[in-house]
Amino acid sequence: MLLGLSYSIGRYSEDKRMKITPFLRFWSAVVLVSTLAILTVILSACEYPGVPHAMADKQSAGGSLAPSLIVQEPSTSPSEISPSDTVIHEGLVEIALKDFFLEPDQITVKAGKVTFVLINKGRYTHDFQVEGRGVDEKAPKVAVGREFRWELTLEPGEYRISCPISNHDERGMEGTLLVEE
């Protein structure tokens, strides 16, 4: 009889296992699909390459720059200028990086040291590149809601400015930088 009891317990647990297996398979599939859905949502919010730039930590940690990089601001504020006027910036240029355009996208500066204040007002990480006349320089990536000051010394001439991340420049994040004597 004890043998019969052990057989029936073994049989019971085997039957129970058979009933639980489809249940566990169903919930395993639900967990797998849910995890994939969550990862898809998270990764779709990220943008290629999805890895923060090395300078991003320095930006978010301090956010301030050495005083030697601060250049005198232009005497005319953007709100006082009509769209038809050409603004010649002297040393400091503020550029808003938006989805998917630069504001302003036509900039005129004096030759010499130029400090770009790059402010990311978009939903994605953006970058800033200056190309032309032997120059091909790229600023560190600017995270969403962050600001970065970047200094270049430029000779007179015309340069192309853009966001080289992914296809942002093709989508409209490009413009012209005119450097005058």
C-alpha atoms as a PDB file:
ATOM      1  CA  MET A   1       0.000   0.000   0.000  1.00  0.00           C
ATOM      2  CA  LEU A   2       2.828   2.353   0.703  1.00  0.00           C
ATOM      3  CA  LEU A   3       4.107   1.569  -2.743  1.00  0.00           C
ATOM      4  CA  GLY A   4       0.697   2.463  -4.177  1.00  0.00           C
ATOM      5  CA  LEU A   5       0.687   5.748  -2.261  1.00  0.00           C
ATOM      6  CA  SER A   6       4.101   6.708  -3.569  1.00  0.00           C
ATOM      7  CA  TYR A   7       2.995   5.776  -7.069  1.00  0.00           C
ATOM      8  CA  SER A   8      -0.100   7.909  -6.775  1.00  0.00           C
ATOM      9  CA  ILE A   9       1.928  10.862  -5.384  1.00  0.00           C
ATOM     10  CA  GLY A  10       4.386  10.461  -8.256  1.00  0.00           C
ATOM     11  CA  ARG A  11       1.514  10.233 -10.684  1.00  0.00           C
ATOM     12  CA  TYR A  12      -0.128  13.301  -9.117  1.00  0.00           C
ATOM     13  CA  SER A  13       2.974  15.404  -9.369  1.00  0.00           C
ATOM     14  CA  GLU A  14       3.523  14.258 -12.950  1.00  0.00           C
ATOM     15  CA  ASP A  15      -0.056  15.204 -13.866  1.00  0.00           C
ATOM     16  CA  LYS A  16       0.315  18.531 -12.073  1.00  0.00           C
ATOM     17  CA  ARG A  17       3.555  19.236 -13.950  1.00  0.00           C
ATOM     18  CA  MET A  18       1.838  18.590 -17.249  1.00  0.00           C
ATOM     19  CA  LYS A  19      -0.907  21.061 -16.349  1.00  0.00           C
ATOM     20  CA  ILE A  20       1.541  23.718 -15.119  1.00  0.00           C
ATOM     21  CA  THR A  21       3.850  23.508 -18.133  1.00  0.00           C
ATOM     22  CA  PRO A  22       1.453  25.159 -20.624  1.00  0.00           C
ATOM     23  CA  PHE A  23       0.666  27.780 -17.974  1.00  0.00           C
ATOM     24  CA  LEU A  24       4.371  28.509 -17.477  1.00  0.00           C
ATOM     25  CA  ARG A  25       4.987  28.532 -21.208  1.00  0.00           C
ATOM     26  CA  PHE A  26       2.211  31.086 -21.665  1.00  0.00           C
ATOM     27  CA  TRP A  27       3.554  33.402 -18.944  1.00  0.00           C
ATOM     28  CA  SER A  28       7.130  32.964 -20.149  1.00  0.00           C
ATOM     29  CA  ALA A  29       5.988  34.102 -23.588  1.00  0.00           C
ATOM     30  CA  VAL A  30       4.108  37.061 -22.030  1.00  0.00           C
ATOM     31  CA  VAL A  31       7.197  38.098 -20.071  1.00  0.00           C
ATOM     32  CA  LEU A  32       9.413  37.745 -23.157  1.00  0.00           C
ATOM     33  CA  VAL A  33       7.071  39.768 -25.381  1.00  0.00           C
ATOM     34  CA  SER A  34       6.646  42.434 -22.685  1.00  0.00           C
ATOM     35  CA  THR A  35      10.394  42.718 -22.211  1.00  0.00           C
ATOM     36  CA  LEU A  36      10.941  43.047 -25.953  1.00  0.00           C
ATOM     37  CA  ALA A  37       8.205  45.691 -26.181  1.00  0.00           C
ATOM     38  CA  ILE A  38       9.737  47.704 -23.335  1.00  0.00           C
ATOM     39  CA  LEU A  39      13.220  47.466 -24.874  1.00  0.00           C
ATOM     40  CA  THR A  40      11.817  48.552 -28.239  1.00  0.00           C
ATOM     41  CA  VAL A  41      10.225  51.637 -26.668  1.00  0.00           C
ATOM     42  CA  ILE A  42      13.390  52.497 -24.766  1.00  0.00           C
ATOM     43  CA  LEU A  43      15.672  51.985 -27.763  1.00  0.00           C
ATOM     44  CA  SER A  44      13.371  53.910 -30.093  1.00  0.00           C
ATOM     45  CA  ALA A  45      13.737  56.903 -27.774  1.00  0.00           C
ATOM     46  CA  CYS A  46      17.501  56.645 -28.123  1.00  0.00           C
ATOM     47  CA  GLU A  47      19.217  57.736 -31.250  1.00  0.00           C
ATOM     48  CA  TYR A  48      22.086  56.084 -33.006  1.00  0.00           C
ATOM     49  CA  PRO A  49      24.788  55.714 -31.844  1.00  0.00           C
ATOM     50  CA  GLY A  50      23.060  55.798 -28.462  1.00  0.00           C
ATOM     51  CA  VAL A  51      26.314  56.019 -26.529  1.00  0.00           C
ATOM     52  CA  PRO A  52      27.026  59.292 -24.752  1.00  0.00           C
ATOM     53  CA  HIS A  53      30.019  61.195 -26.005  1.00  0.00           C
ATOM     54  CA  ALA A  54      33.046  61.320 -23.691  1.00  0.00           C
ATOM     55  CA  MET A  55      32.523  65.059 -23.251  1.00  0.00           C
ATOM     56  CA  ALA A  56      28.883  64.585 -22.184  1.00  0.00           C
ATOM     57  CA  ASP A  57      29.991  63.636 -18.653  1.00  0.00           C
ATOM     58  CA  LYS A  58      32.148  66.744 -18.427  1.00  0.00           C
ATOM     59  CA  GLN A  59      29.246  68.859 -19.677  1.00  0.00           C
ATOM     60  CA  SER A  60      26.757  67.544 -17.171  1.00  0.00           C
ATOM     61  CA  ALA A  61      29.211  67.445 -14.275  1.00  0.00           C
ATOM     62  CA  GLY A  62      30.420  71.022 -14.266  1.00  0.00           C
ATOM     63  CA  GLY A  63      28.756  72.794 -17.112  1.00  0.00           C
ATOM     64  CA  SER A  64      31.154  75.690 -16.717  1.00  0.00           C
ATOM     65  CA  LEU A  65      34.186  76.551 -18.756  1.00  0.00           C
ATOM     66  CA  ALA A  66      37.472  78.156 -17.976  1.00  0.00           C
ATOM     67  CA  PRO A  67      37.231  81.971 -18.048  1.00  0.00           C
ATOM     68  CA  SER A  68      39.722  82.051 -20.926  1.00  0.00           C
ATOM     69  CA  LEU A  69      37.050  80.638 -23.248  1.00  0.00           C
ATOM     70  CA  ILE A  70      34.492  83.343 -22.503  1.00  0.00           C
ATOM     71  CA  VAL A  71      34.443  85.990 -25.198  1.00  0.00           C
ATOM     72  CA  GLN A  72      32.626  89.324 -25.189  1.00  0.00           C
ATOM     73  CA  GLU A  73      29.000  89.040 -26.292  1.00  0.00           C
ATOM     74  CA  PRO A  74      27.734  90.970 -29.294  1.00  0.00           C
ATOM     75  CA  SER A  75      26.338  94.412 -28.516  1.00  0.00           C
ATOM     76  CA  THR A  76      23.067  93.763 -30.376  1.00  0.00           C
ATOM     77  CA  SER A  77      20.600  91.276 -28.981  1.00  0.00           C
ATOM     78  CA  PRO A  78      18.737  89.005 -31.431  1.00  0.00           C
ATOM     79  CA  SER A  79      15.377  90.473 -30.393  1.00  0.00           C
ATOM     80  CA  GLU A  80      16.463  93.959 -31.615  1.00  0.00           C
ATOM     81  CA  ILE A  81      17.352  92.753 -35.113  1.00  0.00           C
ATOM     82  CA  SER A  82      14.969  92.485 -38.026  1.00  0.00           C
ATOM     83  CA  PRO A  83      15.298  89.312 -40.139  1.00  0.00           C
ATOM     84  CA  SER A  84      16.643  91.298 -43.115  1.00  0.00           C
ATOM     85  CA  ASP A  85      19.604  92.685 -41.125  1.00  0.00           C
ATOM     86  CA  THR A  86      22.909  90.858 -41.206  1.00  0.00           C
ATOM     87  CA  VAL A  87      24.338  90.380 -37.746  1.00  0.00           C
ATOM     88  CA  ILE A  88      28.096  90.302 -37.481  1.00  0.00           C
ATOM     89  CA  HIS A  89      28.893  88.492 -34.271  1.00  0.00           C
ATOM     90  CA  GLU A  90      32.113  89.404 -32.532  1.00  0.00           C
ATOM     91  CA  GLY A  91      33.441  86.387 -30.732  1.00  0.00           C
ATOM     92  CA  LEU A  92      30.320  84.750 -29.309  1.00  0.00           C
ATOM     93  CA  VAL A  93      27.591  83.014 -31.307  1.00  0.00           C
ATOM     94  CA  GLU A  94      24.613  81.289 -29.694  1.00  0.00           C
ATOM     95  CA  ILE A  95      23.134  78.478 -31.781  1.00  0.00           C
ATOM     96  CA  ALA A  96      20.021  76.497 -30.887  1.00  0.00           C
ATOM     97  CA  LEU A  97      20.196  72.869 -32.041  1.00  0.00           C
ATOM     98  CA  LYS A  98      16.601  71.839 -32.735  1.00  0.00           C
ATOM     99  CA  ASP A  99      14.859  68.929 -34.445  1.00  0.00           C
ATOM    100  CA  PHE A 100      15.865  69.290 -37.356  1.00  0.00           C
ATOM    101  CA  PHE A 101      17.256  72.770 -37.928  1.00  0.00           C
ATOM    102  CA  LEU A 102      19.845  75.197 -36.630  1.00  0.00           C
ATOM    103  CA  GLU A 103      18.730  78.554 -35.297  1.00  0.00           C
ATOM    104  CA  PRO A 104      20.165  80.708 -36.791  1.00  0.00           C
ATOM    105  CA  ASP A 105      21.338  78.843 -39.879  1.00  0.00           C
ATOM    106  CA  GLN A 106      22.998  81.869 -41.572  1.00  0.00           C
ATOM    107  CA  ILE A 107      25.724  83.356 -39.381  1.00  0.00           C
ATOM    108  CA  THR A 108      28.306  86.080 -40.004  1.00  0.00           C
ATOM    109  CA  VAL A 109      31.264  86.477 -37.624  1.00  0.00           C
ATOM    110  CA  LYS A 110      34.539  88.365 -37.447  1.00  0.00           C
ATOM    111  CA  ALA A 111      37.703  86.399 -38.242  1.00  0.00           C
ATOM    112  CA  GLY A 112      39.693  85.076 -35.301  1.00  0.00           C
ATOM    113  CA  LYS A 113      38.543  83.237 -32.199  1.00  0.00           C
ATOM    114  CA  VAL A 114      34.858  82.399 -32.243  1.00  0.00           C
ATOM    115  CA  THR A 115      33.031  80.803 -29.333  1.00  0.00           C
ATOM    116  CA  PHE A 116      29.914  78.865 -30.259  1.00  0.00           C
ATOM    117  CA  VAL A 117      27.359  78.424 -27.482  1.00  0.00           C
ATOM    118  CA  LEU A 118      25.539  75.277 -28.582  1.00  0.00           C
ATOM    119  CA  ILE A 119      22.183  74.769 -26.857  1.00  0.00           C
ATOM    120  CA  ASN A 120      20.274  71.555 -27.535  1.00  0.00           C
ATOM    121  CA  LYS A 121      16.593  72.503 -27.620  1.00  0.00           C
ATOM    122  CA  GLY A 122      15.547  69.310 -29.388  1.00  0.00           C
ATOM    123  CA  ARG A 123      14.441  65.834 -28.352  1.00  0.00           C
ATOM    124  CA  TYR A 124      17.601  64.099 -29.600  1.00  0.00           C
ATOM    125  CA  THR A 125      21.329  64.364 -29.038  1.00  0.00           C
ATOM    126  CA  HIS A 126      22.844  66.780 -31.552  1.00  0.00           C
ATOM    127  CA  ASP A 127      26.316  67.702 -32.724  1.00  0.00           C
ATOM    128  CA  PHE A 128      27.852  70.679 -34.512  1.00  0.00           C
ATOM    129  CA  GLN A 129      30.408  70.631 -37.317  1.00  0.00           C
ATOM    130  CA  VAL A 130      32.226  73.409 -39.177  1.00  0.00           C
ATOM    131  CA  GLU A 131      33.639  72.522 -42.617  1.00  0.00           C
ATOM    132  CA  GLY A 132      35.395  74.493 -45.330  1.00  0.00           C
ATOM    133  CA  ARG A 133      38.614  76.301 -46.222  1.00  0.00           C
ATOM    134  CA  GLY A 134      40.715  73.457 -44.809  1.00  0.00           C
ATOM    135  CA  VAL A 135      38.688  73.241 -41.594  1.00  0.00           C
ATOM    136  CA  ASP A 136      36.773  70.105 -40.629  1.00  0.00           C
ATOM    137  CA  GLU A 137      36.088  70.390 -36.900  1.00  0.00           C
ATOM    138  CA  LYS A 138      33.357  68.728 -34.884  1.00  0.00           C
ATOM    139  CA  ALA A 139      32.193  69.736 -31.409  1.00  0.00           C
ATOM    140  CA  PRO A 140      31.390  67.110 -28.783  1.00  0.00           C
ATOM    141  CA  LYS A 141      27.826  65.834 -28.818  1.00  0.00           C
ATOM    142  CA  VAL A 142      25.329  67.985 -26.919  1.00  0.00           C
ATOM    143  CA  ALA A 143      22.752  66.048 -24.909  1.00  0.00           C
ATOM    144  CA  VAL A 144      19.092  67.067 -24.745  1.00  0.00           C
ATOM    145  CA  GLY A 145      18.627  70.227 -22.661  1.00  0.00           C
ATOM    146  CA  ARG A 146      22.384  70.798 -22.344  1.00  0.00           C
ATOM    147  CA  GLU A 147      24.606  73.678 -23.370  1.00  0.00           C
ATOM    148  CA  PHE A 148      28.196  73.493 -24.566  1.00  0.00           C
ATOM    149  CA  ARG A 149      30.718  76.239 -25.368  1.00  0.00           C
ATOM    150  CA  TRP A 150      33.123  75.454 -28.173  1.00  0.00           C
ATOM    151  CA  GLU A 151      35.922  77.684 -29.427  1.00  0.00           C
ATOM    152  CA  LEU A 152      37.478  77.778 -32.914  1.00  0.00           C
ATOM    153  CA  THR A 153      39.884  80.116 -34.650  1.00  0.00           C
ATOM    154  CA  LEU A 154      38.610  80.833 -38.158  1.00  0.00           C
ATOM    155  CA  GLU A 155      40.067  82.592 -41.191  1.00  0.00           C
ATOM    156  CA  PRO A 156      37.889  84.733 -43.490  1.00  0.00           C
ATOM    157  CA  GLY A 157      35.732  82.746 -45.908  1.00  0.00           C
ATOM    158  CA  GLU A 158      32.549  80.700 -46.156  1.00  0.00           C
ATOM    159  CA  TYR A 159      32.018  77.549 -44.102  1.00  0.00           C
ATOM    160  CA  ARG A 160      29.301  74.920 -43.928  1.00  0.00           C
ATOM    161  CA  ILE A 161      27.783  74.266 -40.499  1.00  0.00           C
ATOM    162  CA  SER A 162      25.728  71.170 -39.745  1.00  0.00           C
ATOM    163  CA  CYS A 163      24.767  68.410 -37.335  1.00  0.00           C
ATOM    164  CA  PRO A 164      26.627  65.331 -38.628  1.00  0.00           C
ATOM    165  CA  ILE A 165      24.762  62.810 -36.469  1.00  0.00           C
ATOM    166  CA  SER A 166      22.892  60.211 -38.503  1.00  0.00           C
ATOM    167  CA  ASN A 167      20.980  62.042 -41.249  1.00  0.00           C
ATOM    168  CA  HIS A 168      20.269  65.258 -39.331  1.00  0.00           C
ATOM    169  CA  ASP A 169      22.046  67.461 -41.892  1.00  0.00           C
ATOM    170  CA  GLU A 170      20.010  65.904 -44.707  1.00  0.00           C
ATOM    171  CA  ARG A 171      16.838  66.631 -42.725  1.00  0.00           C
ATOM    172  CA  GLY A 172      17.672  70.350 -42.479  1.00  0.00           C
ATOM    173  CA  MET A 173      20.271  70.803 -39.746  1.00  0.00           C
ATOM    174  CA  GLU A 174      22.729  72.721 -41.886  1.00  0.00           C
ATOM    175  CA  GLY A 175      23.582  76.288 -42.683  1.00  0.00           C
ATOM    176  CA  THR A 176      26.284  78.759 -43.674  1.00  0.00           C
ATOM    177  CA  LEU A 177      28.913  80.473 -41.575  1.00  0.00           C
ATOM    178  CA  LEU A 178      30.461  83.532 -43.203  1.00  0.00           C
ATOM    179  CA  VAL A 179      33.690  84.747 -41.601  1.00  0.00           C
ATOM    180  CA  GLU A 180      34.649  88.338 -42.429  1.00  0.00           C
ATOM    181  CA  GLU A 181      37.823  90.362 -41.816  1.00  0.00           C
END
